[in-house]
Protein backbone atom coordinates (compact mmCIF):
# COMPACT_ATOMS: atom_id res chain seq x y z
CA MET A 1 72.58 -104.18 -93.68
CA PHE A 2 73.82 -101.66 -96.16
CA ASP A 3 71.69 -98.96 -97.67
CA ASP A 4 73.48 -99.03 -101.01
CA ARG A 5 72.55 -96.86 -104.03
CA LEU A 6 73.49 -96.15 -107.60
CA ILE A 7 74.23 -92.62 -108.87
CA ARG A 8 72.80 -91.87 -112.23
CA VAL A 9 74.14 -88.76 -114.05
CA ASP A 10 72.41 -87.39 -117.13
CA MET A 11 74.80 -84.94 -118.77
CA THR A 12 72.12 -83.92 -121.34
CA ASN A 13 69.83 -82.61 -118.68
CA LEU A 14 72.66 -81.97 -116.15
CA THR A 15 70.98 -83.94 -113.37
CA ALA A 16 72.27 -86.47 -110.79
CA THR A 17 69.94 -88.80 -108.86
CA ALA A 18 70.33 -91.79 -106.59
CA GLU A 19 68.37 -94.96 -106.77
CA PRO A 20 68.44 -98.19 -104.75
CA TYR A 21 71.11 -100.69 -105.56
CA PRO A 22 69.74 -104.00 -106.83
CA GLU A 23 69.91 -106.76 -104.22
CA ALA A 24 70.71 -109.24 -106.93
CA TRP A 25 73.97 -107.34 -107.61
CA LYS A 26 75.14 -107.53 -103.95
CA LEU A 27 78.36 -109.45 -104.86
CA LEU A 28 79.06 -107.43 -107.93
CA GLY A 29 81.46 -104.59 -107.83
CA GLY A 30 84.22 -102.94 -109.83
CA ARG A 31 84.84 -104.53 -113.20
CA ALA A 32 82.02 -107.16 -112.96
CA LEU A 33 79.50 -104.46 -112.06
CA SER A 34 80.77 -102.17 -114.87
CA ALA A 35 80.50 -105.05 -117.35
CA ARG A 36 76.95 -105.88 -116.28
CA ILE A 37 75.80 -102.25 -116.57
CA LEU A 38 77.41 -101.73 -119.96
CA LEU A 39 75.98 -104.96 -121.33
CA GLU A 40 72.47 -104.18 -120.12
CA GLU A 41 72.38 -100.48 -120.82
CA CYS A 42 74.92 -99.49 -123.54
CA ASP A 43 74.57 -100.14 -127.24
CA PRO A 44 77.75 -101.93 -128.27
CA GLN A 45 77.40 -100.25 -131.71
CA CYS A 46 77.44 -96.71 -130.28
CA ASP A 47 80.00 -94.07 -131.01
CA PRO A 48 82.47 -94.23 -128.07
CA LEU A 49 82.55 -90.45 -128.00
CA GLY A 50 78.88 -89.96 -128.61
CA PRO A 51 76.00 -89.44 -126.23
CA ASP A 52 74.95 -93.08 -126.10
CA ASN A 53 78.16 -94.40 -124.58
CA ILE A 54 78.06 -94.91 -120.85
CA LEU A 55 80.82 -94.13 -118.41
CA VAL A 56 80.80 -96.24 -115.28
CA MET A 57 82.79 -95.58 -112.08
CA ALA A 58 82.43 -98.59 -109.86
CA PRO A 59 84.41 -99.25 -106.64
CA GLY A 60 85.02 -102.90 -105.73
CA VAL A 61 82.84 -104.74 -103.21
CA MET A 62 85.33 -104.37 -100.39
CA SER A 63 86.19 -100.77 -101.11
CA GLY A 64 85.41 -98.38 -98.19
CA THR A 65 85.91 -101.18 -95.58
CA ALA A 66 88.80 -101.77 -93.23
CA ALA A 67 89.96 -104.78 -95.33
CA PRO A 68 93.63 -104.19 -96.38
CA THR A 69 94.52 -102.68 -99.75
CA SER A 70 90.88 -102.83 -100.81
CA GLY A 71 89.95 -99.36 -102.18
CA ARG A 72 90.31 -99.85 -105.89
CA ILE A 73 87.86 -98.35 -108.41
CA SER A 74 87.01 -99.50 -111.92
CA ILE A 75 86.32 -97.05 -114.76
CA GLY A 76 84.36 -98.60 -117.61
CA GLY A 77 82.89 -97.78 -120.91
CA LYS A 78 83.13 -98.48 -124.61
CA SER A 79 86.71 -97.75 -125.55
CA PRO A 80 87.48 -95.20 -128.25
CA LEU A 81 90.84 -97.01 -128.67
CA THR A 82 89.68 -100.53 -129.17
CA GLY A 83 86.05 -100.09 -130.11
CA GLY A 84 85.12 -102.72 -127.51
CA ILE A 85 84.40 -102.86 -123.77
CA LYS A 86 87.03 -101.48 -121.46
CA GLU A 87 87.75 -101.45 -117.77
CA ALA A 88 90.66 -99.59 -116.26
CA ASN A 89 91.49 -99.87 -112.60
CA ALA A 90 92.94 -97.26 -110.23
CA GLY A 91 93.90 -96.79 -106.62
CA GLY A 92 93.66 -93.59 -104.59
CA ASN A 93 90.74 -92.62 -102.35
CA PRO A 94 87.76 -91.94 -104.58
CA GLY A 95 86.63 -95.60 -104.60
CA GLN A 96 86.78 -95.75 -100.83
CA ASP A 97 84.97 -92.53 -100.34
CA LEU A 98 82.12 -93.52 -102.70
CA MET A 99 81.62 -96.77 -100.84
CA LYS A 100 81.75 -95.11 -97.46
CA LEU A 101 78.71 -93.08 -98.63
CA GLY A 102 77.01 -96.24 -99.89
CA TYR A 103 77.38 -95.48 -103.62
CA ARG A 104 78.17 -98.68 -105.50
CA ALA A 105 78.60 -96.95 -108.87
CA VAL A 106 78.30 -93.71 -110.76
CA VAL A 107 76.67 -94.21 -114.18
CA VAL A 108 77.12 -91.28 -116.61
CA LYS A 109 75.02 -90.98 -119.79
CA GLY A 110 74.40 -88.25 -122.36
CA GLN A 111 76.23 -85.13 -123.43
CA PRO A 112 75.67 -81.45 -122.69
CA ALA A 113 74.26 -79.30 -125.49
CA ASP A 114 77.30 -77.06 -125.56
CA ALA A 115 80.46 -79.10 -126.05
CA ASN A 116 82.61 -76.15 -124.97
CA LYS A 117 81.32 -76.08 -121.47
CA ARG A 118 82.76 -78.06 -118.57
CA TYR A 119 80.90 -79.52 -115.63
CA ALA A 120 81.60 -81.32 -112.38
CA LEU A 121 79.67 -83.84 -110.29
CA GLU A 122 79.66 -83.12 -106.59
CA VAL A 123 78.88 -86.10 -104.32
CA ARG A 124 78.25 -85.38 -100.69
CA LYS A 125 76.69 -87.30 -97.86
CA ASP A 126 73.22 -85.78 -98.40
CA SER A 127 73.38 -84.31 -101.90
CA LEU A 128 74.27 -84.92 -105.56
CA GLU A 129 74.72 -82.08 -108.01
CA VAL A 130 76.05 -81.36 -111.45
CA VAL A 131 77.60 -77.93 -111.42
CA GLU A 132 79.31 -75.67 -113.97
CA ALA A 133 83.11 -75.85 -113.96
CA ASP A 134 84.20 -73.62 -116.82
CA ASP A 135 86.89 -72.12 -114.63
CA THR A 136 88.73 -75.49 -114.87
CA LYS A 137 88.70 -75.84 -118.63
CA GLY A 138 92.03 -76.87 -120.01
CA MET A 139 93.66 -77.19 -116.56
CA TRP A 140 96.36 -79.79 -116.16
CA ASN A 141 95.66 -82.32 -113.46
CA TYR A 142 98.02 -81.09 -110.78
CA ALA A 143 96.97 -77.44 -111.13
CA LEU A 144 93.31 -78.57 -111.18
CA ILE A 145 93.59 -80.38 -107.87
CA GLU A 146 95.47 -77.51 -106.23
CA HIS A 147 92.65 -75.28 -107.46
CA LEU A 148 89.93 -77.58 -106.17
CA ALA A 149 91.68 -77.89 -102.81
CA THR A 150 90.89 -74.24 -102.23
CA LYS A 151 87.19 -74.80 -102.90
CA TYR A 152 86.36 -78.08 -101.21
CA ALA A 153 86.87 -79.68 -97.81
CA GLU A 154 90.12 -81.44 -96.81
CA THR A 155 88.11 -84.70 -96.66
CA ALA A 156 87.24 -84.61 -100.36
CA SER A 157 88.85 -86.81 -103.09
CA PHE A 158 88.71 -86.22 -106.82
CA ILE A 159 88.42 -88.03 -110.17
CA SER A 160 89.54 -85.85 -113.01
CA ILE A 161 90.80 -85.57 -116.61
CA GLY A 162 93.53 -83.42 -118.11
CA PRO A 163 93.61 -81.66 -121.52
CA ALA A 164 93.96 -84.96 -123.34
CA GLY A 165 90.58 -86.12 -122.05
CA GLU A 166 88.99 -82.77 -122.84
CA MET A 167 90.33 -83.09 -126.43
CA LYS A 168 88.84 -86.62 -126.53
CA LEU A 169 92.16 -88.26 -127.42
CA SER A 170 92.05 -92.04 -127.40
CA GLY A 171 95.06 -92.35 -125.17
CA ALA A 172 93.54 -90.21 -122.39
CA SER A 173 93.38 -91.46 -118.79
CA VAL A 174 91.21 -90.81 -115.76
CA ALA A 175 93.07 -89.53 -112.70
CA CYS A 176 92.29 -90.28 -109.04
CA THR A 177 93.79 -88.49 -106.07
CA ASP A 178 95.90 -90.53 -103.73
CA ALA A 179 95.89 -90.83 -100.00
CA ASP A 180 98.59 -88.19 -99.32
CA GLN A 181 97.65 -84.92 -97.73
CA ALA A 182 98.45 -83.16 -100.96
CA ARG A 183 95.90 -85.34 -102.73
CA ARG A 184 98.06 -85.71 -105.82
CA PRO A 185 96.33 -86.84 -109.09
CA ALA A 186 98.84 -89.66 -109.53
CA ARG A 187 96.62 -92.77 -109.70
CA HIS A 188 95.37 -93.28 -113.20
CA ALA A 189 92.76 -95.60 -114.71
CA ALA A 190 94.89 -95.26 -117.79
CA ARG A 191 94.18 -97.88 -120.37
CA GLY A 192 91.65 -97.77 -123.26
CA GLY A 193 91.08 -94.03 -123.60
CA LEU A 194 88.33 -93.73 -120.95
CA GLY A 195 89.46 -90.22 -120.13
CA ALA A 196 88.21 -89.29 -123.63
CA VAL A 197 84.84 -90.79 -122.75
CA MET A 198 84.74 -88.68 -119.61
CA GLY A 199 85.67 -85.67 -121.73
CA SER A 200 83.00 -86.40 -124.32
CA LYS A 201 80.46 -86.05 -121.41
CA GLY A 202 81.76 -82.55 -120.61
CA LEU A 203 82.74 -83.91 -117.21
CA LYS A 204 86.02 -82.37 -115.97
CA PHE A 205 85.96 -83.81 -112.46
CA VAL A 206 84.01 -85.62 -109.76
CA MET A 207 84.27 -84.45 -106.14
CA ILE A 208 83.48 -86.96 -103.45
CA ASP A 209 83.34 -85.71 -99.86
CA PRO A 210 82.58 -88.42 -97.30
CA GLU A 211 83.13 -85.95 -94.45
CA LYS A 212 83.74 -88.10 -91.33
CA THR A 213 81.70 -91.07 -92.47
CA PRO A 214 83.28 -94.18 -90.97
CA VAL A 215 84.35 -97.27 -92.93
CA ARG A 216 81.71 -99.76 -94.05
CA ARG A 217 81.07 -102.51 -91.51
CA PRO A 218 78.64 -105.33 -91.10
CA ASP A 219 76.03 -105.35 -88.35
CA ASP A 220 78.12 -107.99 -86.58
CA ALA A 221 81.48 -106.40 -87.00
CA LYS A 222 83.61 -108.50 -84.65
CA PRO A 223 84.18 -111.47 -87.06
CA PHE A 224 84.92 -109.03 -89.85
CA PHE A 225 87.54 -107.03 -87.95
CA ALA A 226 89.08 -110.21 -86.51
CA HIS A 227 89.44 -111.70 -89.99
CA THR A 228 90.88 -108.44 -91.36
CA LYS A 229 93.40 -108.26 -88.55
CA ALA A 230 94.51 -111.88 -89.00
CA TYR A 231 94.75 -111.58 -92.83
CA THR A 232 96.76 -108.37 -92.60
CA LYS A 233 99.19 -109.92 -90.15
CA GLY A 234 99.47 -113.00 -92.34
CA PHE A 235 100.31 -110.90 -95.38
CA GLN A 236 102.90 -108.76 -93.52
CA ASP A 237 104.58 -111.98 -92.22
CA SER A 238 104.63 -113.62 -95.68
CA PRO A 239 107.16 -113.37 -98.52
CA LYS A 240 104.47 -111.46 -100.48
CA ALA A 241 105.12 -108.43 -98.29
CA ASN A 242 108.53 -108.10 -99.69
CA MET A 243 107.70 -108.64 -103.33
CA PHE A 244 106.86 -105.03 -103.99
CA LYS A 245 108.84 -103.47 -101.16
CA PHE A 246 110.33 -101.01 -103.61
CA GLY A 247 107.52 -101.03 -106.14
CA THR A 248 107.24 -102.53 -109.60
CA SER A 249 110.33 -100.63 -110.78
CA SER A 250 112.31 -103.37 -108.99
CA ILE A 251 111.14 -105.86 -111.70
CA VAL A 252 113.32 -104.26 -114.41
CA PRO A 253 116.45 -106.52 -114.12
CA VAL A 254 114.34 -109.71 -114.14
CA ALA A 255 112.24 -108.54 -117.05
CA ASN A 256 115.38 -107.71 -119.00
CA MET A 257 116.84 -111.09 -118.32
CA LEU A 258 113.55 -112.72 -119.64
CA ASN A 259 113.66 -110.63 -122.87
CA THR A 260 110.55 -108.67 -121.80
CA PHE A 261 112.07 -105.24 -121.34
CA PRO A 262 111.32 -104.06 -124.94
CA TYR A 263 113.89 -101.83 -126.58
CA LYS A 264 113.45 -99.49 -129.56
CA ASN A 265 109.85 -100.28 -130.46
CA ARG A 266 110.21 -103.98 -129.55
CA THR A 267 112.98 -104.69 -132.06
CA GLU A 268 114.84 -106.19 -129.09
CA GLY A 269 113.70 -107.73 -125.81
CA GLN A 270 116.62 -106.33 -123.72
CA SER A 271 117.92 -102.78 -123.20
CA PRO A 272 121.62 -101.95 -122.93
CA ASP A 273 120.52 -99.19 -120.49
CA VAL A 274 118.95 -101.51 -117.92
CA ALA A 275 121.40 -100.42 -115.22
CA THR A 276 120.26 -96.75 -115.49
CA LEU A 277 116.57 -97.62 -115.72
CA GLU A 278 116.14 -100.12 -112.95
CA GLY A 279 114.34 -99.27 -109.75
CA ALA A 280 117.48 -99.52 -107.65
CA ARG A 281 118.47 -96.11 -109.04
CA ILE A 282 115.22 -94.64 -107.75
CA VAL A 283 115.68 -96.22 -104.33
CA GLU A 284 119.22 -94.84 -104.13
CA SER A 285 117.83 -91.35 -104.67
CA PHE A 286 115.68 -91.47 -101.53
CA GLU A 287 118.69 -90.99 -99.26
CA THR A 288 119.87 -87.72 -100.76
CA ARG A 289 116.65 -86.30 -102.27
CA GLY A 290 113.84 -87.53 -100.02
CA GLY A 291 110.84 -89.33 -101.34
CA GLY A 292 110.30 -93.00 -100.53
CA MET A 293 107.61 -95.64 -100.58
CA HIS A 294 104.03 -94.96 -99.57
CA ASN A 295 100.49 -96.26 -99.86
CA CYS A 296 98.40 -94.69 -102.67
CA MET A 297 95.13 -95.39 -100.78
CA THR A 298 94.14 -95.44 -97.15
CA GLY A 299 94.55 -98.85 -95.59
CA CYS A 300 97.04 -100.23 -98.12
CA VAL A 301 99.57 -102.64 -96.58
CA VAL A 302 101.52 -103.28 -99.79
CA GLN A 303 102.85 -99.71 -100.09
CA CYS A 304 104.33 -100.28 -103.58
CA SER A 305 104.13 -96.68 -104.67
CA ASN A 306 107.34 -94.74 -104.89
CA ILE A 307 107.48 -90.95 -104.46
CA VAL A 308 110.22 -89.53 -106.70
CA HIS A 309 112.00 -86.19 -105.97
CA ASP A 310 114.19 -84.18 -108.28
CA ALA A 311 117.83 -83.30 -107.63
CA ASP A 312 116.73 -80.32 -105.49
CA GLY A 313 114.55 -82.46 -103.26
CA ASN A 314 111.28 -81.32 -104.75
CA TYR A 315 108.43 -83.70 -105.52
CA LYS A 316 108.32 -84.79 -109.11
CA THR A 317 106.03 -87.80 -109.62
CA SER A 318 104.43 -90.91 -108.12
CA ALA A 319 104.58 -93.73 -108.83
CA LEU A 320 107.32 -94.35 -111.38
CA GLU A 321 106.44 -97.99 -112.30
CA PHE A 322 107.83 -100.78 -114.37
CA GLU A 323 105.46 -100.26 -117.25
CA THR A 324 106.36 -96.59 -117.55
CA LEU A 325 110.15 -97.24 -117.26
CA THR A 326 109.69 -99.78 -120.06
CA LEU A 327 107.42 -98.06 -122.53
CA LEU A 328 108.56 -94.45 -122.09
CA GLY A 329 112.12 -95.54 -121.33
CA ALA A 330 113.67 -98.61 -122.95
CA ASN A 331 111.05 -98.85 -125.70
CA CYS A 332 111.93 -95.31 -126.76
CA GLY A 333 115.68 -95.93 -126.34
CA ILE A 334 115.70 -93.44 -123.44
CA ALA A 335 118.41 -94.36 -121.00
CA SER A 336 117.81 -92.30 -117.86
CA TRP A 337 115.15 -93.02 -115.25
CA GLU A 338 115.12 -89.27 -114.47
CA ASP A 339 114.05 -88.47 -117.98
CA VAL A 340 111.36 -91.13 -117.71
CA ALA A 341 110.21 -89.49 -114.41
CA ASP A 342 109.80 -86.20 -116.28
CA LEU A 343 107.76 -87.91 -118.99
CA ASP A 344 105.66 -89.73 -116.37
CA ARG A 345 104.83 -86.40 -114.65
CA LEU A 346 103.83 -84.89 -117.98
CA CYS A 347 101.56 -87.83 -118.76
CA ASP A 348 99.87 -87.52 -115.37
CA GLU A 349 99.46 -83.80 -115.83
CA ILE A 350 98.06 -84.05 -119.32
CA GLY A 351 96.06 -87.15 -118.51
CA LEU A 352 97.63 -89.79 -120.74
CA ASP A 353 98.27 -93.56 -120.51
CA THR A 354 102.02 -93.95 -120.22
CA ILE A 355 101.87 -97.35 -121.99
CA GLU A 356 99.94 -96.11 -124.97
CA THR A 357 101.92 -92.88 -125.20
CA GLY A 358 105.26 -94.58 -124.89
CA ALA A 359 104.39 -97.05 -127.62
CA ALA A 360 103.18 -94.21 -129.88
CA ILE A 361 106.35 -92.21 -129.40
CA ALA A 362 108.46 -95.27 -130.11
CA ILE A 363 106.62 -95.91 -133.35
CA PHE A 364 107.18 -92.22 -134.35
CA MET A 365 110.89 -92.66 -133.58
CA ASP A 366 110.99 -95.99 -135.43
CA SER A 367 109.49 -94.31 -138.50
CA GLY A 368 112.59 -92.15 -138.77
CA GLU A 369 111.19 -88.76 -137.75
CA MET A 370 112.93 -88.68 -134.39
CA GLU A 371 116.03 -90.35 -133.03
CA PHE A 372 115.63 -93.13 -130.54
CA GLY A 373 116.79 -91.88 -127.09
CA ASP A 374 115.75 -88.27 -127.66
CA ALA A 375 114.29 -87.58 -124.32
CA GLU A 376 113.98 -83.83 -124.78
CA GLY A 377 112.12 -84.49 -128.12
CA ALA A 378 109.75 -86.82 -126.33
CA LYS A 379 109.01 -84.11 -123.75
CA ARG A 380 108.30 -81.67 -126.59
CA ILE A 381 105.87 -84.11 -128.10
CA LEU A 382 103.96 -84.37 -124.81
CA HIS A 383 103.68 -80.58 -124.74
CA GLU A 384 102.36 -80.73 -128.33
CA ILE A 385 99.71 -83.16 -127.20
CA ALA A 386 98.52 -80.68 -124.56
CA GLU A 387 98.61 -77.88 -127.20
CA GLY A 388 96.53 -79.95 -129.65
CA THR A 389 98.94 -79.82 -132.59
CA GLU A 390 98.38 -82.15 -135.53
CA LEU A 391 101.33 -84.34 -134.48
CA GLY A 392 100.28 -84.12 -130.78
CA LYS A 393 96.80 -85.36 -131.57
CA ALA A 394 98.17 -88.24 -133.68
CA ILE A 395 100.34 -89.48 -130.85
CA GLY A 396 97.74 -88.71 -128.25
CA ASN A 397 95.33 -90.94 -130.08
CA GLY A 398 97.66 -93.89 -129.59
CA ALA A 399 99.85 -96.37 -131.37
CA VAL A 400 97.55 -97.25 -134.23
CA SER A 401 96.90 -93.54 -134.91
CA ILE A 402 100.56 -92.56 -135.23
CA GLY A 403 101.36 -95.71 -137.20
CA LYS A 404 98.77 -94.75 -139.80
CA ARG A 405 100.03 -91.16 -139.96
CA GLN A 406 103.59 -92.34 -140.46
CA LYS A 407 102.57 -95.24 -142.76
CA HIS A 408 104.73 -97.38 -140.46
CA ALA A 409 104.18 -101.17 -140.33
CA ARG A 410 105.70 -102.02 -136.89
CA VAL A 411 102.72 -101.25 -134.62
CA PRO A 412 102.67 -103.70 -131.63
CA VAL A 413 98.98 -103.73 -130.51
CA ALA A 414 96.21 -106.10 -129.67
CA LYS A 415 92.72 -105.12 -130.52
CA GLY A 416 93.97 -101.64 -131.24
CA GLN A 417 95.59 -101.17 -127.88
CA ALA A 418 99.41 -100.95 -127.42
CA LEU A 419 101.05 -103.96 -125.84
CA PRO A 420 102.37 -103.47 -122.33
CA ALA A 421 105.92 -104.27 -121.21
CA TRP A 422 105.32 -108.01 -120.82
CA ASP A 423 106.16 -109.27 -124.25
CA PRO A 424 104.14 -112.11 -125.73
CA ARG A 425 107.12 -113.70 -127.51
CA PRO A 426 108.92 -115.03 -124.45
CA LEU A 427 105.71 -115.14 -122.43
CA LYS A 428 103.38 -116.95 -124.84
CA ALA A 429 100.57 -117.71 -122.38
CA THR A 430 100.41 -113.96 -121.72
CA GLY A 431 100.20 -113.49 -125.48
CA VAL A 432 97.18 -115.80 -125.43
CA THR A 433 95.63 -113.41 -122.91
CA TYR A 434 96.25 -110.42 -125.20
CA CYS A 435 94.57 -112.23 -128.04
CA SER A 436 91.57 -113.73 -126.18
CA SER A 437 90.86 -111.14 -123.47
CA PRO A 438 88.00 -108.68 -124.08
CA MET A 439 90.51 -106.04 -123.06
CA GLY A 440 93.06 -106.64 -125.83
CA GLY A 441 96.68 -105.64 -124.99
CA ASP A 442 96.40 -105.35 -121.22
CA HIS A 443 98.64 -107.30 -118.88
CA THR A 444 96.30 -106.74 -115.88
CA ALA A 445 93.72 -108.93 -117.69
CA GLY A 446 95.82 -112.08 -117.05
CA LEU A 447 99.56 -112.08 -116.80
CA ILE A 448 101.49 -115.38 -116.82
CA VAL A 449 105.22 -115.02 -116.21
CA ASN A 450 106.31 -118.53 -117.08
CA PRO A 451 108.58 -118.56 -120.17
CA GLY A 452 108.98 -122.39 -120.06
CA MET A 453 105.36 -123.28 -120.08
CA PRO A 454 104.43 -126.04 -122.59
CA PRO A 455 101.93 -124.99 -125.36
CA GLU A 456 99.25 -127.37 -124.18
CA GLN A 457 98.90 -125.40 -120.99
CA PHE A 458 98.67 -121.95 -122.54
CA ALA A 459 94.90 -121.74 -122.98
CA GLN A 460 93.98 -122.94 -119.51
CA ALA A 461 96.66 -120.86 -117.82
CA SER A 462 95.36 -117.71 -119.61
CA GLN A 463 91.80 -118.42 -118.87
CA GLU A 464 92.52 -119.08 -115.17
CA SER A 465 94.54 -115.92 -114.85
CA GLN A 466 91.85 -113.92 -116.62
CA LEU A 467 89.28 -115.33 -114.32
CA ILE A 468 91.06 -114.55 -111.02
CA ASN A 469 92.08 -111.14 -112.19
CA ALA A 470 88.44 -110.32 -113.20
CA ALA A 471 87.31 -111.46 -109.74
CA CYS A 472 90.07 -109.44 -108.07
CA ASP A 473 89.17 -106.24 -110.11
CA SER A 474 85.60 -106.76 -109.05
CA SER A 475 86.45 -107.14 -105.36
CA GLY A 476 88.19 -103.82 -104.83
CA PHE A 477 91.37 -105.62 -103.67
CA CYS A 478 94.62 -104.55 -105.43
CA GLN A 479 96.19 -107.22 -107.60
CA PHE A 480 99.49 -106.63 -105.74
CA LEU A 481 97.85 -107.98 -102.62
CA GLN A 482 97.60 -111.15 -104.62
CA PRO A 483 94.43 -112.51 -103.15
CA THR A 484 93.20 -115.93 -104.23
CA MET A 485 89.56 -116.69 -104.84
CA PRO A 486 89.05 -118.52 -101.54
CA GLU A 487 90.51 -115.44 -99.74
CA ILE A 488 88.11 -113.12 -101.60
CA ALA A 489 85.24 -115.44 -100.70
CA GLU A 490 86.23 -115.35 -97.02
CA PHE A 491 86.11 -111.58 -96.95
CA TYR A 492 82.70 -111.46 -98.71
CA SER A 493 81.43 -113.94 -96.15
CA VAL A 494 82.44 -111.95 -93.10
CA LEU A 495 81.27 -108.70 -94.71
CA TYR A 496 77.82 -109.96 -95.48
CA GLY A 497 77.45 -112.37 -92.64
CA GLU A 498 76.59 -115.30 -94.89
CA ALA A 499 78.55 -118.05 -96.55
CA VAL A 500 80.03 -117.08 -99.96
CA THR A 501 81.98 -119.88 -101.60
CA ARG A 502 85.08 -119.81 -103.71
CA GLU A 503 82.97 -121.29 -106.51
CA GLN A 504 80.66 -118.17 -106.32
CA VAL A 505 83.67 -115.92 -106.62
CA ALA A 506 84.95 -117.92 -109.58
CA ASP A 507 81.52 -117.72 -111.19
CA ILE A 508 81.58 -113.90 -110.77
CA GLY A 509 84.91 -113.71 -112.56
CA TRP A 510 83.75 -116.01 -115.37
CA GLN A 511 80.41 -114.21 -115.79
CA CYS A 512 82.32 -110.90 -115.97
CA LEU A 513 84.30 -112.31 -118.91
CA LEU A 514 81.21 -113.68 -120.57
CA ASP A 515 79.52 -110.27 -120.31
CA GLU A 516 82.50 -108.51 -121.79
CA TRP A 517 82.90 -110.99 -124.62
CA LYS A 518 79.18 -110.66 -125.40
CA PHE A 519 79.49 -106.89 -125.55
CA ASN A 520 82.45 -107.18 -127.89
CA GLU A 521 80.55 -109.51 -130.15
CA GLY A 522 77.76 -106.93 -130.31
CA ALA A 523 80.40 -104.35 -131.23
CA GLY A 524 81.40 -106.55 -134.19
CA PHE A 525 84.47 -108.38 -132.86
CA THR A 526 85.15 -111.81 -134.28
CA ALA A 527 87.93 -114.45 -134.05
CA ALA A 528 89.76 -112.46 -136.69
CA ASP A 529 90.39 -109.85 -134.03
CA ASP A 530 92.02 -112.38 -131.68
CA VAL A 531 95.50 -112.03 -133.23
CA LEU A 532 98.70 -110.23 -132.80
CA PRO A 533 100.40 -108.22 -135.56
CA ALA A 534 103.21 -109.46 -137.87
CA CYS A 535 105.84 -107.58 -135.90
CA ILE A 536 105.12 -109.94 -133.06
CA THR A 537 104.48 -113.12 -134.96
CA ASP A 538 107.18 -112.75 -137.60
CA GLU A 539 109.89 -110.60 -135.99
CA GLY A 540 111.92 -112.26 -133.28
CA ILE A 541 113.80 -111.15 -130.21
CA GLY A 542 116.16 -112.85 -127.86
CA PRO A 543 119.01 -115.21 -128.80
CA ASP A 544 119.27 -115.27 -132.64
CA HIS A 545 115.93 -113.46 -132.68
CA SER A 546 114.29 -116.85 -132.26
CA LEU A 547 111.57 -115.78 -129.90
CA LYS A 548 108.33 -115.19 -131.79
CA PHE A 549 104.62 -115.44 -130.93
CA ASP A 550 103.85 -118.67 -132.81
CA VAL A 551 100.84 -119.89 -130.87
CA ALA A 552 98.26 -121.63 -133.04
CA ALA A 553 94.82 -119.99 -133.38
CA ASP A 554 93.02 -122.94 -132.00
CA ILE A 555 94.87 -122.55 -128.65
CA VAL A 556 93.84 -118.89 -128.48
CA ALA A 557 90.25 -119.95 -129.22
CA GLN A 558 90.27 -122.49 -126.43
CA ALA A 559 90.90 -119.74 -123.88
CA LYS A 560 87.44 -118.27 -124.54
CA ALA A 561 85.50 -121.02 -126.16
CA GLU A 562 84.27 -122.60 -122.95
CA ARG A 563 85.20 -122.84 -119.28
CA PHE A 564 87.87 -125.32 -118.39
CA PRO A 565 87.13 -127.78 -115.63
CA GLU A 566 88.24 -126.34 -112.33
CA ARG A 567 91.56 -127.69 -111.13
CA GLU A 568 92.66 -127.61 -107.49
CA GLU A 569 95.49 -125.24 -108.62
CA LEU A 570 92.86 -122.70 -109.46
CA TRP A 571 92.05 -122.02 -105.82
CA THR A 572 95.73 -121.20 -105.07
CA THR A 573 96.16 -118.97 -108.12
CA LYS A 574 96.96 -115.38 -107.12
CA ALA A 575 95.86 -112.25 -108.92
CA THR A 576 98.80 -110.84 -110.78
CA GLY A 577 99.15 -107.69 -112.83
């Protein structure tokens, strides 16, 4: 049915070749495929920035098809931030374009002999080539894409790194170009420092040109397109369609109410500046400045991405999301969404995770070297990261790095990775995810927004959320589409023309977690790493500062010890991130 292949890139010999895709991996894509490749081919003990680490770029199973909101791509490797396995997920068009050409993954190994040289991978319909790209060395992401647009066809999309990735900083992200005509590098596989892994390979960018290749379709396309049409209409007619009508920035007031809008390095769970940081202020700007909501990838029906313009009506950034407003805004005591928009653009330009960077700047402020709320100082720090100053590198390497430099104790991380906005003190089942997940402090691994949940439900709720999110990240569907496992199974069935059960999809999600846990065990992780720091367990927030993460270690252990019996509720659980 599909003539699928793997791209293997050897950066030591500067070669790129294609090989047949294993039939046994037909239902593996995205995160599950990345985990399988890393477990089988990457030494867990390797130096994350050395030649033996492997960088995987794997679109989801449904990417490149006409299925709605299905073009996500997973970037995987051993994380220089956590020292364990990492997957970071992004939108944009590169995942779709790779799959249109029948490429299920790009697997990058080795390092060039000259660490000062830059290279690119060019992926075309009939050719693969590693080429020199020294003319792009040090370029910021937006300037890079503008430059590449003059060299390559309008049909091309790009995966790239900024200066942070080239400097191998542990907070570096991987940028993907979005679906707009301008092909802006605004979609980031941000978490875990995988931009540094790409930089360690000397790989500045990947160009994918599908030309006019049509979407992937089964031999018998009628059932597939009928199902796609019906599902899309069902989504658009459902309450889910309005959930992210104005993007994740609309979550700010609710998060603040729930004490999960961290303020001043998480010393409080609510910000007094919530009214000037919430997404309604961004929406109000559309009328006078332009901008608005759009889809980051072709075929998205959620359209949760906002396009933010400055006061003169010029494009500034996309998308300004809840996590960024929290970590670079409230968590740093910064009161204005417009300042956060400036910081977001700088992070995208330099190629930095806004969560990790915001956490690091807040720790620096908390240590007394900068006032909370100093937005201009934060912008100067981001420029220092791009310039490679000593302070810039310390912050660019993340929360743990700047905490050590400042000898500061309040460093809110899990497995070395900064905690996202969703705080584990009011959301304790989410805290169990941070502790037990192979990913560490990553809300997309398994978010549970249920502050009233009883402790006896924490472990199973976390495991089930981790399972469905792993399955979703493997499918290519966006978590904001909120697919259930039966829905993913239905799409697999009509794509491949054979019955795929919900149990098979659940098994894929569980096996993905098992593969990732096994990799981390090989890297040296033990139960002693499944904890949160004292600033989360001992320091409270909320009324009377009574909210603390006080979940027993045996509950955390249950989430990963063995698979819970499948409840009927599992099949209606939606992916959430």
